[in-house]
Each structure stands twice: as C-alpha cells, then as structure tokens.
C-alpha cells in the first residue's frame, strides 16, 4: 500500500450537526469595500447563507 493510498483510506471524523454552531476563528481580515471578514472552520452545527451569528471570546 502506498502512502497516498493509506491517506486516501482515512475517513474524516464526523462533525456533530445536531449541536449549536461552534466556529473557532483562525484569523480576521479587514478588506476595503467589504469590511471585516472572520475566517474559521465549523466544528459543530451548521452554517447557512444569510445566517446571523454572534462572535464571542
């Protein structure tokens, strides 16, 4: 088995979509004409277009 085959065989962990949205921020960009853009990965829950979210420490 090659390294690529071994990596392809790894199943990604399931993310609990039935829990509240949790999105740890990795970075924040200030883009002219757009505004502040937070960047992160959804750990739990689901994020949908147009959804209003609140960021807290």
C-alpha atoms as a PDB file:
ATOM      1  CA  UNK A   1       0.000   0.000   0.000  1.00  0.00           C
ATOM      2  CA  UNK A   2       1.405   3.402  -0.943  1.00  0.00           C
ATOM      3  CA  UNK A   3       1.350   6.463   1.296  1.00  0.00           C
ATOM      4  CA  UNK A   4      -1.238   8.107  -0.979  1.00  0.00           C
ATOM      5  CA  UNK A   5      -3.484   5.026  -0.771  1.00  0.00           C
ATOM      6  CA  UNK A   6      -3.141   4.977   3.022  1.00  0.00           C
ATOM      7  CA  UNK A   7      -4.041   8.672   3.257  1.00  0.00           C
ATOM      8  CA  UNK A   8      -6.991   8.212   0.894  1.00  0.00           C
ATOM      9  CA  UNK A   9      -8.278   5.375   3.106  1.00  0.00           C
ATOM     10  CA  UNK A  10      -8.532   7.613   6.197  1.00  0.00           C
ATOM     11  CA  UNK A  11     -12.127   8.592   6.869  1.00  0.00           C
ATOM     12  CA  UNK A  12     -12.700  12.162   8.057  1.00  0.00           C
ATOM     13  CA  UNK A  13     -14.233  12.486  11.541  1.00  0.00           C
ATOM     14  CA  UNK A  14     -17.961  13.130  11.633  1.00  0.00           C
ATOM     15  CA  UNK A  15     -18.970  16.593  12.771  1.00  0.00           C
ATOM     16  CA  UNK A  16     -21.989  16.831  15.076  1.00  0.00           C
ATOM     17  CA  UNK A  17     -24.539  18.830  13.086  1.00  0.00           C
ATOM     18  CA  UNK A  18     -27.205  18.486  15.795  1.00  0.00           C
ATOM     19  CA  UNK A  19     -25.276  20.719  18.234  1.00  0.00           C
ATOM     20  CA  UNK A  20     -25.131  24.548  18.305  1.00  0.00           C
ATOM     21  CA  UNK A  21     -22.840  26.290  15.833  1.00  0.00           C
ATOM     22  CA  UNK A  22     -19.222  26.453  17.010  1.00  0.00           C
ATOM     23  CA  UNK A  23     -16.724  28.137  14.707  1.00  0.00           C
ATOM     24  CA  UNK A  24     -13.316  28.876  16.254  1.00  0.00           C
ATOM     25  CA  UNK A  25     -11.765  31.864  14.489  1.00  0.00           C
ATOM     26  CA  UNK A  26      -8.389  31.352  12.856  1.00  0.00           C
ATOM     27  CA  UNK A  27      -7.925  34.865  11.513  1.00  0.00           C
ATOM     28  CA  UNK A  28      -9.701  38.147  10.803  1.00  0.00           C
ATOM     29  CA  UNK A  29      -9.122  40.177   7.646  1.00  0.00           C
ATOM     30  CA  UNK A  30     -10.048  43.792   7.000  1.00  0.00           C
ATOM     31  CA  UNK A  31     -10.892  44.092   3.306  1.00  0.00           C
ATOM     32  CA  UNK A  32     -11.536  47.522   1.833  1.00  0.00           C
ATOM     33  CA  UNK A  33     -15.025  47.864   0.369  1.00  0.00           C
ATOM     34  CA  UNK A  34     -16.201  44.699   2.130  1.00  0.00           C
ATOM     35  CA  UNK A  35     -15.357  45.137   5.804  1.00  0.00           C
ATOM     36  CA  UNK A  36     -14.147  42.741   8.472  1.00  0.00           C
ATOM     37  CA  UNK A  37     -14.049  39.102   7.346  1.00  0.00           C
ATOM     38  CA  UNK A  38     -13.689  36.417  10.038  1.00  0.00           C
ATOM     39  CA  UNK A  39     -12.111  33.108   8.942  1.00  0.00           C
ATOM     40  CA  UNK A  40     -12.510  29.767  10.680  1.00  0.00           C
ATOM     41  CA  UNK A  41     -13.777  26.204  10.425  1.00  0.00           C
ATOM     42  CA  UNK A  42     -17.181  24.945  11.548  1.00  0.00           C
ATOM     43  CA  UNK A  43     -16.552  22.404  14.331  1.00  0.00           C
ATOM     44  CA  UNK A  44     -20.174  21.692  15.282  1.00  0.00           C
ATOM     45  CA  UNK A  45     -23.556  22.725  13.977  1.00  0.00           C
ATOM     46  CA  UNK A  46     -24.389  24.061  10.528  1.00  0.00           C
ATOM     47  CA  UNK A  47     -23.784  27.486   8.981  1.00  0.00           C
ATOM     48  CA  UNK A  48     -26.192  28.554   6.239  1.00  0.00           C
ATOM     49  CA  UNK A  49     -26.101  31.532   3.839  1.00  0.00           C
ATOM     50  CA  UNK A  50     -27.750  34.612   5.349  1.00  0.00           C
ATOM     51  CA  UNK A  51     -27.494  33.234   8.885  1.00  0.00           C
ATOM     52  CA  UNK A  52     -26.925  35.864  11.594  1.00  0.00           C
ATOM     53  CA  UNK A  53     -24.177  34.849  14.026  1.00  0.00           C
ATOM     54  CA  UNK A  54     -22.549  36.446  17.066  1.00  0.00           C
ATOM     55  CA  UNK A  55     -18.832  36.100  17.772  1.00  0.00           C
ATOM     56  CA  UNK A  56     -17.676  35.925  21.384  1.00  0.00           C
ATOM     57  CA  UNK A  57     -14.388  35.126  23.136  1.00  0.00           C
END
